[in-house]
Amino acid sequence: MTEPKDFKTRLEIAKSKIKKQVESDLKKNGTFMGSAFKLGTELVAAVAIGTIIGFILDGWFDTKPWLIIIFFFLGTAAGILNVIRTANRMQKED
Protein backbone atom coordinates (compact mmCIF):
# COMPACT_ATOMS: atom_id res chain seq x y z
CA MET A 1 0.00 0.00 0.00
CA THR A 2 1.25 3.52 -0.74
CA GLU A 3 2.31 5.79 2.02
CA PRO A 4 0.45 9.05 2.76
CA LYS A 5 3.66 11.03 2.16
CA ASP A 6 4.01 9.53 -1.31
CA PHE A 7 0.39 10.38 -2.09
CA LYS A 8 0.83 13.97 -0.86
CA THR A 9 3.94 14.40 -2.97
CA ARG A 10 2.18 13.17 -6.10
CA LEU A 11 -0.81 15.39 -5.30
CA GLU A 12 1.42 18.46 -4.96
CA ILE A 13 3.13 17.66 -8.28
CA ALA A 14 -0.23 17.30 -10.01
CA LYS A 15 -1.47 20.58 -8.51
CA SER A 16 1.63 22.43 -9.68
CA LYS A 17 1.22 21.05 -13.22
CA ILE A 18 -2.43 22.12 -13.32
CA LYS A 19 -1.51 25.57 -12.01
CA LYS A 20 1.14 25.99 -14.72
CA GLN A 21 -1.32 24.91 -17.40
CA VAL A 22 -3.97 27.37 -16.18
CA GLU A 23 -1.43 30.20 -16.15
CA SER A 24 -0.36 29.26 -19.68
CA ASP A 25 -3.98 29.25 -20.88
CA LEU A 26 -4.61 32.67 -19.35
CA LYS A 27 -1.49 34.02 -21.03
CA LYS A 28 -2.66 32.66 -24.41
CA ASN A 29 -6.07 34.31 -23.96
CA GLY A 30 -4.40 37.65 -23.31
CA THR A 31 -2.21 37.22 -26.36
CA PHE A 32 -5.25 36.36 -28.46
CA MET A 33 -7.12 39.47 -27.32
CA GLY A 34 -4.09 41.64 -28.05
CA SER A 35 -3.77 40.17 -31.52
CA ALA A 36 -7.46 40.69 -32.26
CA PHE A 37 -7.22 44.31 -31.10
CA LYS A 38 -4.14 44.81 -33.28
CA LEU A 39 -5.87 43.46 -36.38
CA GLY A 40 -8.93 45.64 -35.84
CA THR A 41 -6.81 48.71 -35.24
CA GLU A 42 -4.75 48.10 -38.39
CA LEU A 43 -7.87 47.85 -40.51
CA VAL A 44 -9.52 50.97 -39.11
CA ALA A 45 -6.29 52.99 -39.28
CA ALA A 46 -5.67 52.10 -42.93
CA VAL A 47 -9.21 53.13 -43.92
CA ALA A 48 -8.99 56.37 -41.92
CA ILE A 49 -5.60 57.33 -43.34
CA GLY A 50 -6.71 56.57 -46.89
CA THR A 51 -9.81 58.71 -46.46
CA ILE A 52 -7.82 61.59 -44.93
CA ILE A 53 -5.31 61.51 -47.79
CA GLY A 54 -8.20 61.58 -50.28
CA PHE A 55 -9.79 64.50 -48.44
CA ILE A 56 -6.54 66.51 -48.48
CA LEU A 57 -5.90 65.81 -52.15
CA ASP A 58 -9.48 66.73 -53.00
CA GLY A 59 -8.91 70.09 -51.36
CA TRP A 60 -5.74 70.68 -53.37
CA PHE A 61 -7.06 69.56 -56.75
CA ASP A 62 -10.73 70.58 -56.25
CA THR A 63 -12.03 67.18 -57.39
CA LYS A 64 -14.50 66.51 -54.55
CA PRO A 65 -15.60 63.71 -53.84
CA TRP A 66 -13.66 61.53 -56.30
CA LEU A 67 -10.32 61.29 -54.54
CA ILE A 68 -11.99 60.69 -51.19
CA ILE A 69 -13.84 57.73 -52.67
CA ILE A 70 -10.77 56.36 -54.47
CA PHE A 71 -8.49 56.63 -51.44
CA PHE A 72 -11.19 55.22 -49.17
CA PHE A 73 -11.21 52.04 -51.24
CA LEU A 74 -7.40 52.01 -51.50
CA GLY A 75 -7.17 52.33 -47.71
CA THR A 76 -9.70 49.54 -47.28
CA ALA A 77 -7.74 47.27 -49.61
CA ALA A 78 -4.47 48.09 -47.84
CA GLY A 79 -6.06 47.41 -44.44
CA ILE A 80 -7.43 44.05 -45.55
CA LEU A 81 -4.04 43.06 -46.99
CA ASN A 82 -2.32 44.04 -43.73
CA VAL A 83 -4.79 41.98 -41.71
CA ILE A 84 -4.30 38.95 -43.99
CA ARG A 85 -0.49 39.22 -43.79
CA THR A 86 -0.52 39.62 -40.02
CA ALA A 87 -2.98 36.73 -39.57
CA ASN A 88 -0.80 34.47 -41.73
CA ARG A 89 2.31 35.46 -39.76
CA MET A 90 0.55 34.77 -36.45
CA GLN A 91 -0.67 31.40 -37.75
CA LYS A 92 2.87 30.39 -38.73
CA GLU A 93 4.15 31.31 -35.24
CA ASP A 94 1.60 29.00 -33.60
PDB file of N, CA and C in Angstrom:
ATOM      1  N   MET A   1       0.836  -1.170   0.000  1.00  0.00           N
ATOM      2  CA  MET A   1       0.000   0.000   0.000  1.00  0.00           C
ATOM      3  C   MET A   1       0.885   1.239   0.000  1.00  0.00           C
ATOM      4  N   THR A   2       0.445   2.309  -0.653  1.00  0.00           N
ATOM      5  CA  THR A   2       1.248   3.523  -0.737  1.00  0.00           C
ATOM      6  C   THR A   2       1.179   4.309   0.557  1.00  0.00           C
ATOM      7  N   GLU A   3       2.242   4.992   0.806  1.00  0.00           N
ATOM      8  CA  GLU A   3       2.311   5.787   2.023  1.00  0.00           C
ATOM      9  C   GLU A   3       1.617   7.133   1.815  1.00  0.00           C
ATOM     10  N   PRO A   4       1.099   7.736   2.883  1.00  0.00           N
ATOM     11  CA  PRO A   4       0.455   9.051   2.763  1.00  0.00           C
ATOM     12  C   PRO A   4       1.415  10.125   2.258  1.00  0.00           C
ATOM     13  N   LYS A   5       2.698  10.040   2.625  1.00  0.00           N
ATOM     14  CA  LYS A   5       3.659  11.035   2.158  1.00  0.00           C
ATOM     15  C   LYS A   5       3.831  10.948   0.651  1.00  0.00           C
ATOM     16  N   ASP A   6       3.874   9.738   0.128  1.00  0.00           N
ATOM     17  CA  ASP A   6       4.007   9.530  -1.311  1.00  0.00           C
ATOM     18  C   ASP A   6       2.798  10.105  -2.040  1.00  0.00           C
ATOM     19  N   PHE A   7       1.619   9.859  -1.496  1.00  0.00           N
ATOM     20  CA  PHE A   7       0.395  10.383  -2.087  1.00  0.00           C
ATOM     21  C   PHE A   7       0.392  11.907  -2.070  1.00  0.00           C
ATOM     22  N   LYS A   8       0.795  12.504  -0.962  1.00  0.00           N
ATOM     23  CA  LYS A   8       0.835  13.967  -0.859  1.00  0.00           C
ATOM     24  C   LYS A   8       1.820  14.561  -1.848  1.00  0.00           C
ATOM     25  N   THR A   9       2.933  13.911  -2.027  1.00  0.00           N
ATOM     26  CA  THR A   9       3.936  14.395  -2.974  1.00  0.00           C
ATOM     27  C   THR A   9       3.376  14.375  -4.396  1.00  0.00           C
ATOM     28  N   ARG A  10       2.759  13.262  -4.763  1.00  0.00           N
ATOM     29  CA  ARG A  10       2.177  13.169  -6.103  1.00  0.00           C
ATOM     30  C   ARG A  10       1.053  14.188  -6.291  1.00  0.00           C
ATOM     31  N   LEU A  11       0.269  14.416  -5.242  1.00  0.00           N
ATOM     32  CA  LEU A  11      -0.810  15.394  -5.303  1.00  0.00           C
ATOM     33  C   LEU A  11      -0.257  16.803  -5.509  1.00  0.00           C
ATOM     34  N   GLU A  12       0.797  17.140  -4.807  1.00  0.00           N
ATOM     35  CA  GLU A  12       1.423  18.458  -4.960  1.00  0.00           C
ATOM     36  C   GLU A  12       1.980  18.640  -6.367  1.00  0.00           C
ATOM     37  N   ILE A  13       2.596  17.595  -6.911  1.00  0.00           N
ATOM     38  CA  ILE A  13       3.134  17.660  -8.278  1.00  0.00           C
ATOM     39  C   ILE A  13       2.005  17.879  -9.279  1.00  0.00           C
ATOM     40  N   ALA A  14       0.907  17.153  -9.105  1.00  0.00           N
ATOM     41  CA  ALA A  14      -0.235  17.298 -10.007  1.00  0.00           C
ATOM     42  C   ALA A  14      -0.832  18.705  -9.909  1.00  0.00           C
ATOM     43  N   LYS A  15      -0.942  19.227  -8.702  1.00  0.00           N
ATOM     44  CA  LYS A  15      -1.474  20.580  -8.514  1.00  0.00           C
ATOM     45  C   LYS A  15      -0.585  21.620  -9.186  1.00  0.00           C
ATOM     46  N   SER A  16       0.724  21.461  -9.065  1.00  0.00           N
ATOM     47  CA  SER A  16       1.626  22.432  -9.678  1.00  0.00           C
ATOM     48  C   SER A  16       1.540  22.368 -11.203  1.00  0.00           C
ATOM     49  N   LYS A  17       1.372  21.178 -11.765  1.00  0.00           N
ATOM     50  CA  LYS A  17       1.216  21.050 -13.219  1.00  0.00           C
ATOM     51  C   LYS A  17      -0.073  21.709 -13.691  1.00  0.00           C
ATOM     52  N   ILE A  18      -1.149  21.506 -12.957  1.00  0.00           N
ATOM     53  CA  ILE A  18      -2.432  22.122 -13.316  1.00  0.00           C
ATOM     54  C   ILE A  18      -2.329  23.637 -13.218  1.00  0.00           C
ATOM     55  N   LYS A  19      -1.668  24.128 -12.187  1.00  0.00           N
ATOM     56  CA  LYS A  19      -1.514  25.569 -12.014  1.00  0.00           C
ATOM     57  C   LYS A  19      -0.725  26.169 -13.170  1.00  0.00           C
ATOM     58  N   LYS A  20       0.344  25.504 -13.593  1.00  0.00           N
ATOM     59  CA  LYS A  20       1.144  25.994 -14.721  1.00  0.00           C
ATOM     60  C   LYS A  20       0.324  25.998 -16.003  1.00  0.00           C
ATOM     61  N   GLN A  21      -0.508  24.977 -16.198  1.00  0.00           N
ATOM     62  CA  GLN A  21      -1.324  24.907 -17.398  1.00  0.00           C
ATOM     63  C   GLN A  21      -2.370  26.023 -17.409  1.00  0.00           C
ATOM     64  N   VAL A  22      -2.982  26.299 -16.273  1.00  0.00           N
ATOM     65  CA  VAL A  22      -3.975  27.371 -16.177  1.00  0.00           C
ATOM     66  C   VAL A  22      -3.317  28.719 -16.467  1.00  0.00           C
ATOM     67  N   GLU A  23      -2.138  28.943 -15.902  1.00  0.00           N
ATOM     68  CA  GLU A  23      -1.426  30.197 -16.152  1.00  0.00           C
ATOM     69  C   GLU A  23      -1.079  30.331 -17.631  1.00  0.00           C
ATOM     70  N   SER A  24      -0.683  29.244 -18.261  1.00  0.00           N
ATOM     71  CA  SER A  24      -0.359  29.257 -19.683  1.00  0.00           C
ATOM     72  C   SER A  24      -1.594  29.579 -20.521  1.00  0.00           C
ATOM     73  N   ASP A  25      -2.740  28.988 -20.159  1.00  0.00           N
ATOM     74  CA  ASP A  25      -3.976  29.253 -20.881  1.00  0.00           C
ATOM     75  C   ASP A  25      -4.405  30.705 -20.743  1.00  0.00           C
ATOM     76  N   LEU A  26      -4.255  31.264 -19.556  1.00  0.00           N
ATOM     77  CA  LEU A  26      -4.605  32.669 -19.349  1.00  0.00           C
ATOM     78  C   LEU A  26      -3.697  33.577 -20.169  1.00  0.00           C
ATOM     79  N   LYS A  27      -2.433  33.231 -20.249  1.00  0.00           N
ATOM     80  CA  LYS A  27      -1.495  34.019 -21.032  1.00  0.00           C
ATOM     81  C   LYS A  27      -1.855  33.969 -22.515  1.00  0.00           C
ATOM     82  N   LYS A  28      -2.259  32.797 -23.004  1.00  0.00           N
ATOM     83  CA  LYS A  28      -2.660  32.656 -24.410  1.00  0.00           C
ATOM     84  C   LYS A  28      -3.901  33.479 -24.696  1.00  0.00           C
ATOM     85  N   ASN A  29      -4.864  33.507 -23.765  1.00  0.00           N
ATOM     86  CA  ASN A  29      -6.071  34.308 -23.959  1.00  0.00           C
ATOM     87  C   ASN A  29      -5.728  35.784 -24.060  1.00  0.00           C
ATOM     88  N   GLY A  30      -4.820  36.261 -23.238  1.00  0.00           N
ATOM     89  CA  GLY A  30      -4.398  37.653 -23.305  1.00  0.00           C
ATOM     90  C   GLY A  30      -3.707  37.961 -24.612  1.00  0.00           C
ATOM     91  N   THR A  31      -2.891  37.043 -25.086  1.00  0.00           N
ATOM     92  CA  THR A  31      -2.208  37.220 -26.355  1.00  0.00           C
ATOM     93  C   THR A  31      -3.213  37.250 -27.489  1.00  0.00           C
ATOM     94  N   PHE A  32      -4.224  36.397 -27.430  1.00  0.00           N
ATOM     95  CA  PHE A  32      -5.249  36.361 -28.464  1.00  0.00           C
ATOM     96  C   PHE A  32      -6.013  37.675 -28.517  1.00  0.00           C
ATOM     97  N   MET A  33      -6.378  38.197 -27.355  1.00  0.00           N
ATOM     98  CA  MET A  33      -7.123  39.466 -27.321  1.00  0.00           C
ATOM     99  C   MET A  33      -6.271  40.610 -27.864  1.00  0.00           C
ATOM    100  N   GLY A  34      -4.989  40.617 -27.526  1.00  0.00           N
ATOM    101  CA  GLY A  34      -4.093  41.641 -28.047  1.00  0.00           C
ATOM    102  C   GLY A  34      -3.958  41.556 -29.551  1.00  0.00           C
ATOM    103  N   SER A  35      -3.879  40.358 -30.072  1.00  0.00           N
ATOM    104  CA  SER A  35      -3.767  40.172 -31.515  1.00  0.00           C
ATOM    105  C   SER A  35      -5.041  40.615 -32.225  1.00  0.00           C
ATOM    106  N   ALA A  36      -6.183  40.282 -31.656  1.00  0.00           N
ATOM    107  CA  ALA A  36      -7.457  40.690 -32.257  1.00  0.00           C
ATOM    108  C   ALA A  36      -7.585  42.215 -32.258  1.00  0.00           C
ATOM    109  N   PHE A  37      -7.176  42.847 -31.166  1.00  0.00           N
ATOM    110  CA  PHE A  37      -7.217  44.305 -31.097  1.00  0.00           C
ATOM    111  C   PHE A  37      -6.275  44.916 -32.130  1.00  0.00           C
ATOM    112  N   LYS A  38      -5.115  44.321 -32.303  1.00  0.00           N
ATOM    113  CA  LYS A  38      -4.136  44.810 -33.275  1.00  0.00           C
ATOM    114  C   LYS A  38      -4.695  44.730 -34.689  1.00  0.00           C
ATOM    115  N   LEU A  39      -5.317  43.609 -35.031  1.00  0.00           N
ATOM    116  CA  LEU A  39      -5.872  43.456 -36.376  1.00  0.00           C
ATOM    117  C   LEU A  39      -6.981  44.469 -36.639  1.00  0.00           C
ATOM    118  N   GLY A  40      -7.850  44.660 -35.672  1.00  0.00           N
ATOM    119  CA  GLY A  40      -8.927  45.636 -35.837  1.00  0.00           C
ATOM    120  C   GLY A  40      -8.405  47.050 -35.978  1.00  0.00           C
ATOM    121  N   THR A  41      -7.395  47.382 -35.189  1.00  0.00           N
ATOM    122  CA  THR A  41      -6.808  48.715 -35.245  1.00  0.00           C
ATOM    123  C   THR A  41      -6.122  48.959 -36.583  1.00  0.00           C
ATOM    124  N   GLU A  42      -5.414  47.959 -37.093  1.00  0.00           N
ATOM    125  CA  GLU A  42      -4.749  48.102 -38.387  1.00  0.00           C
ATOM    126  C   GLU A  42      -5.749  48.372 -39.495  1.00  0.00           C
ATOM    127  N   LEU A  43      -6.862  47.659 -39.474  1.00  0.00           N
ATOM    128  CA  LEU A  43      -7.868  47.847 -40.511  1.00  0.00           C
ATOM    129  C   LEU A  43      -8.483  49.243 -40.449  1.00  0.00           C
ATOM    130  N   VAL A  44      -8.889  49.657 -39.277  1.00  0.00           N
ATOM    131  CA  VAL A  44      -9.519  50.972 -39.113  1.00  0.00           C
ATOM    132  C   VAL A  44      -8.533  52.095 -39.447  1.00  0.00           C
ATOM    133  N   ALA A  45      -7.287  51.956 -39.020  1.00  0.00           N
ATOM    134  CA  ALA A  45      -6.287  52.994 -39.281  1.00  0.00           C
ATOM    135  C   ALA A  45      -6.026  53.136 -40.772  1.00  0.00           C
ATOM    136  N   ALA A  46      -5.935  52.029 -41.490  1.00  0.00           N
ATOM    137  CA  ALA A  46      -5.674  52.098 -42.931  1.00  0.00           C
ATOM    138  C   ALA A  46      -6.823  52.797 -43.661  1.00  0.00           C
ATOM    139  N   VAL A  47      -8.051  52.486 -43.292  1.00  0.00           N
ATOM    140  CA  VAL A  47      -9.211  53.127 -43.924  1.00  0.00           C
ATOM    141  C   VAL A  47      -9.236  54.621 -43.589  1.00  0.00           C
ATOM    142  N   ALA A  48      -8.976  54.964 -42.332  1.00  0.00           N
ATOM    143  CA  ALA A  48      -8.992  56.372 -41.921  1.00  0.00           C
ATOM    144  C   ALA A  48      -7.894  57.166 -42.623  1.00  0.00           C
ATOM    145  N   ILE A  49      -6.701  56.618 -42.701  1.00  0.00           N
ATOM    146  CA  ILE A  49      -5.598  57.334 -43.336  1.00  0.00           C
ATOM    147  C   ILE A  49      -5.857  57.495 -44.829  1.00  0.00           C
ATOM    148  N   GLY A  50      -6.370  56.456 -45.475  1.00  0.00           N
ATOM    149  CA  GLY A  50      -6.706  56.570 -46.895  1.00  0.00           C
ATOM    150  C   GLY A  50      -7.746  57.648 -47.140  1.00  0.00           C
ATOM    151  N   THR A  51      -8.764  57.701 -46.301  1.00  0.00           N
ATOM    152  CA  THR A  51      -9.811  58.714 -46.458  1.00  0.00           C
ATOM    153  C   THR A  51      -9.261  60.118 -46.209  1.00  0.00           C
ATOM    154  N   ILE A  52      -8.411  60.277 -45.222  1.00  0.00           N
ATOM    155  CA  ILE A  52      -7.822  61.590 -44.930  1.00  0.00           C
ATOM    156  C   ILE A  52      -6.943  62.054 -46.087  1.00  0.00           C
ATOM    157  N   ILE A  53      -6.143  61.147 -46.637  1.00  0.00           N
ATOM    158  CA  ILE A  53      -5.309  61.515 -47.793  1.00  0.00           C
ATOM    159  C   ILE A  53      -6.194  61.939 -48.954  1.00  0.00           C
ATOM    160  N   GLY A  54      -7.266  61.203 -49.209  1.00  0.00           N
ATOM    161  CA  GLY A  54      -8.198  61.581 -50.276  1.00  0.00           C
ATOM    162  C   GLY A  54      -8.835  62.934 -50.024  1.00  0.00           C
ATOM    163  N   PHE A  55      -9.184  63.205 -48.777  1.00  0.00           N
ATOM    164  CA  PHE A  55      -9.789  64.499 -48.440  1.00  0.00           C
ATOM    165  C   PHE A  55      -8.806  65.647 -48.680  1.00  0.00           C
ATOM    166  N   ILE A  56      -7.566  65.465 -48.283  1.00  0.00           N
ATOM    167  CA  ILE A  56      -6.543  66.506 -48.475  1.00  0.00           C
ATOM    168  C   ILE A  56      -6.291  66.729 -49.958  1.00  0.00           C
ATOM    169  N   LEU A  57      -6.143  65.660 -50.710  1.00  0.00           N
ATOM    170  CA  LEU A  57      -5.895  65.807 -52.153  1.00  0.00           C
ATOM    171  C   LEU A  57      -7.095  66.416 -52.872  1.00  0.00           C
ATOM    172  N   ASP A  58      -8.297  66.104 -52.424  1.00  0.00           N
ATOM    173  CA  ASP A  58      -9.484  66.734 -53.003  1.00  0.00           C
ATOM    174  C   ASP A  58      -9.472  68.239 -52.778  1.00  0.00           C
ATOM    175  N   GLY A  59      -9.004  68.655 -51.630  1.00  0.00           N
ATOM    176  CA  GLY A  59      -8.907  70.093 -51.356  1.00  0.00           C
ATOM    177  C   GLY A  59      -7.883  70.773 -52.254  1.00  0.00           C
ATOM    178  N   TRP A  60      -6.775  70.098 -52.518  1.00  0.00           N
ATOM    179  CA  TRP A  60      -5.739  70.683 -53.368  1.00  0.00           C
ATOM    180  C   TRP A  60      -6.155  70.729 -54.836  1.00  0.00           C
ATOM    181  N   PHE A  61      -6.749  69.647 -55.320  1.00  0.00           N
ATOM    182  CA  PHE A  61      -7.057  69.557 -56.752  1.00  0.00           C
ATOM    183  C   PHE A  61      -8.506  69.910 -57.082  1.00  0.00           C
ATOM    184  N   ASP A  62      -9.322  70.209 -56.086  1.00  0.00           N
ATOM    185  CA  ASP A  62     -10.727  70.577 -56.246  1.00  0.00           C
ATOM    186  C   ASP A  62     -11.487  69.540 -57.080  1.00  0.00           C
ATOM    187  N   THR A  63     -11.380  68.286 -56.676  1.00  0.00           N
ATOM    188  CA  THR A  63     -12.027  67.180 -57.392  1.00  0.00           C
ATOM    189  C   THR A  63     -13.044  66.462 -56.510  1.00  0.00           C
ATOM    190  N   LYS A  64     -13.609  67.160 -55.519  1.00  0.00           N
ATOM    191  CA  LYS A  64     -14.502  66.511 -54.554  1.00  0.00           C
ATOM    192  C   LYS A  64     -15.624  65.784 -55.259  1.00  0.00           C
ATOM    193  N   PRO A  65     -16.020  64.653 -54.863  1.00  0.00           N
ATOM    194  CA  PRO A  65     -15.597  63.714 -53.845  1.00  0.00           C
ATOM    195  C   PRO A  65     -14.777  62.551 -54.404  1.00  0.00           C
ATOM    196  N   TRP A  66     -14.255  62.683 -55.610  1.00  0.00           N
ATOM    197  CA  TRP A  66     -13.660  61.530 -56.295  1.00  0.00           C
ATOM    198  C   TRP A  66     -12.425  60.969 -55.592  1.00  0.00           C
ATOM    199  N   LEU A  67     -11.522  61.812 -55.181  1.00  0.00           N
ATOM    200  CA  LEU A  67     -10.317  61.290 -54.541  1.00  0.00           C
ATOM    201  C   LEU A  67     -10.607  60.720 -53.151  1.00  0.00           C
ATOM    202  N   ILE A  68     -11.602  61.273 -52.475  1.00  0.00           N
ATOM    203  CA  ILE A  68     -11.987  60.693 -51.187  1.00  0.00           C
ATOM    204  C   ILE A  68     -12.470  59.259 -51.393  1.00  0.00           C
ATOM    205  N   ILE A  69     -13.308  59.064 -52.397  1.00  0.00           N
ATOM    206  CA  ILE A  69     -13.844  57.732 -52.670  1.00  0.00           C
ATOM    207  C   ILE A  69     -12.732  56.773 -53.088  1.00  0.00           C
ATOM    208  N   ILE A  70     -11.859  57.217 -53.989  1.00  0.00           N
ATOM    209  CA  ILE A  70     -10.774  56.363 -54.474  1.00  0.00           C
ATOM    210  C   ILE A  70      -9.846  55.969 -53.340  1.00  0.00           C
ATOM    211  N   PHE A  71      -9.425  56.945 -52.521  1.00  0.00           N
ATOM    212  CA  PHE A  71      -8.489  56.633 -51.435  1.00  0.00           C
ATOM    213  C   PHE A  71      -9.157  55.882 -50.287  1.00  0.00           C
ATOM    214  N   PHE A  72     -10.478  56.039 -50.146  1.00  0.00           N
ATOM    215  CA  PHE A  72     -11.194  55.220 -49.171  1.00  0.00           C
ATOM    216  C   PHE A  72     -11.065  53.741 -49.540  1.00  0.00           C
ATOM    217  N   PHE A  73     -11.305  53.429 -50.806  1.00  0.00           N
ATOM    218  CA  PHE A  73     -11.206  52.036 -51.240  1.00  0.00           C
ATOM    219  C   PHE A  73      -9.758  51.542 -51.243  1.00  0.00           C
ATOM    220  N   LEU A  74      -8.807  52.413 -51.585  1.00  0.00           N
ATOM    221  CA  LEU A  74      -7.402  52.011 -51.503  1.00  0.00           C
ATOM    222  C   LEU A  74      -6.994  51.726 -50.052  1.00  0.00           C
ATOM    223  N   GLY A  75      -7.449  52.554 -49.128  1.00  0.00           N
ATOM    224  CA  GLY A  75      -7.166  52.326 -47.708  1.00  0.00           C
ATOM    225  C   GLY A  75      -7.808  51.049 -47.208  1.00  0.00           C
ATOM    226  N   THR A  76      -9.028  50.778 -47.666  1.00  0.00           N
ATOM    227  CA  THR A  76      -9.701  49.541 -47.278  1.00  0.00           C
ATOM    228  C   THR A  76      -8.933  48.326 -47.786  1.00  0.00           C
ATOM    229  N   ALA A  77      -8.505  48.383 -49.041  1.00  0.00           N
ATOM    230  CA  ALA A  77      -7.739  47.267 -49.614  1.00  0.00           C
ATOM    231  C   ALA A  77      -6.416  47.082 -48.871  1.00  0.00           C
ATOM    232  N   ALA A  78      -5.736  48.187 -48.574  1.00  0.00           N
ATOM    233  CA  ALA A  78      -4.468  48.089 -47.840  1.00  0.00           C
ATOM    234  C   ALA A  78      -4.686  47.517 -46.442  1.00  0.00           C
ATOM    235  N   GLY A  79      -5.750  47.927 -45.779  1.00  0.00           N
ATOM    236  CA  GLY A  79      -6.055  47.406 -44.442  1.00  0.00           C
ATOM    237  C   GLY A  79      -6.349  45.917 -44.459  1.00  0.00           C
ATOM    238  N   ILE A  80      -7.110  45.476 -45.454  1.00  0.00           N
ATOM    239  CA  ILE A  80      -7.427  44.048 -45.551  1.00  0.00           C
ATOM    240  C   ILE A  80      -6.166  43.248 -45.829  1.00  0.00           C
ATOM    241  N   LEU A  81      -5.301  43.749 -46.715  1.00  0.00           N
ATOM    242  CA  LEU A  81      -4.043  43.056 -46.994  1.00  0.00           C
ATOM    243  C   LEU A  81      -3.164  42.977 -45.746  1.00  0.00           C
ATOM    244  N   ASN A  82      -3.103  44.055 -44.975  1.00  0.00           N
ATOM    245  CA  ASN A  82      -2.322  44.040 -43.732  1.00  0.00           C
ATOM    246  C   ASN A  82      -2.864  43.013 -42.749  1.00  0.00           C
ATOM    247  N   VAL A  83      -4.179  42.940 -42.635  1.00  0.00           N
ATOM    248  CA  VAL A  83      -4.791  41.981 -41.712  1.00  0.00           C
ATOM    249  C   VAL A  83      -4.488  40.553 -42.166  1.00  0.00           C
ATOM    250  N   ILE A  84      -4.581  40.294 -43.467  1.00  0.00           N
ATOM    251  CA  ILE A  84      -4.302  38.951 -43.986  1.00  0.00           C
ATOM    252  C   ILE A  84      -2.841  38.578 -43.735  1.00  0.00           C
ATOM    253  N   ARG A  85      -1.916  39.500 -44.022  1.00  0.00           N
ATOM    254  CA  ARG A  85      -0.491  39.224 -43.788  1.00  0.00           C
ATOM    255  C   ARG A  85      -0.204  38.951 -42.313  1.00  0.00           C
ATOM    256  N   THR A  86      -0.758  39.781 -41.455  1.00  0.00           N
ATOM    257  CA  THR A  86      -0.524  39.621 -40.024  1.00  0.00           C
ATOM    258  C   THR A  86      -1.127  38.316 -39.517  1.00  0.00           C
ATOM    259  N   ALA A  87      -2.330  37.981 -39.983  1.00  0.00           N
ATOM    260  CA  ALA A  87      -2.977  36.735 -39.566  1.00  0.00           C
ATOM    261  C   ALA A  87      -2.158  35.523 -40.028  1.00  0.00           C
ATOM    262  N   ASN A  88      -1.636  35.574 -41.252  1.00  0.00           N
ATOM    263  CA  ASN A  88      -0.802  34.468 -41.733  1.00  0.00           C
ATOM    264  C   ASN A  88       0.482  34.342 -40.913  1.00  0.00           C
ATOM    265  N   ARG A  89       1.094  35.473 -40.567  1.00  0.00           N
ATOM    266  CA  ARG A  89       2.311  35.462 -39.761  1.00  0.00           C
ATOM    267  C   ARG A  89       2.023  34.885 -38.372  1.00  0.00           C
ATOM    268  N   MET A  90       0.907  35.281 -37.772  1.00  0.00           N
ATOM    269  CA  MET A  90       0.554  34.765 -36.447  1.00  0.00           C
ATOM    270  C   MET A  90       0.248  33.268 -36.515  1.00  0.00           C
ATOM    271  N   GLN A  91      -0.353  32.821 -37.606  1.00  0.00           N
ATOM    272  CA  GLN A  91      -0.669  31.402 -37.752  1.00  0.00           C
ATOM    273  C   GLN A  91       0.602  30.574 -37.888  1.00  0.00           C
ATOM    274  N   LYS A  92       1.604  31.100 -38.586  1.00  0.00           N
ATOM    275  CA  LYS A  92       2.872  30.386 -38.727  1.00  0.00           C
ATOM    276  C   LYS A  92       3.609  30.285 -37.394  1.00  0.00           C
ATOM    277  N   GLU A  93       3.482  31.322 -36.549  1.00  0.00           N
ATOM    278  CA  GLU A  93       4.147  31.311 -35.242  1.00  0.00           C
ATOM    279  C   GLU A  93       3.553  30.252 -34.327  1.00  0.00           C
ATOM    280  N   ASP A  94       2.242  30.007 -34.458  1.00  0.00           N
ATOM    281  CA  ASP A  94       1.596  29.002 -33.597  1.00  0.00           C
ATOM    282  C   ASP A  94       1.970  27.629 -34.094  1.00  0.00           C
TER     283      ASP A  94
END
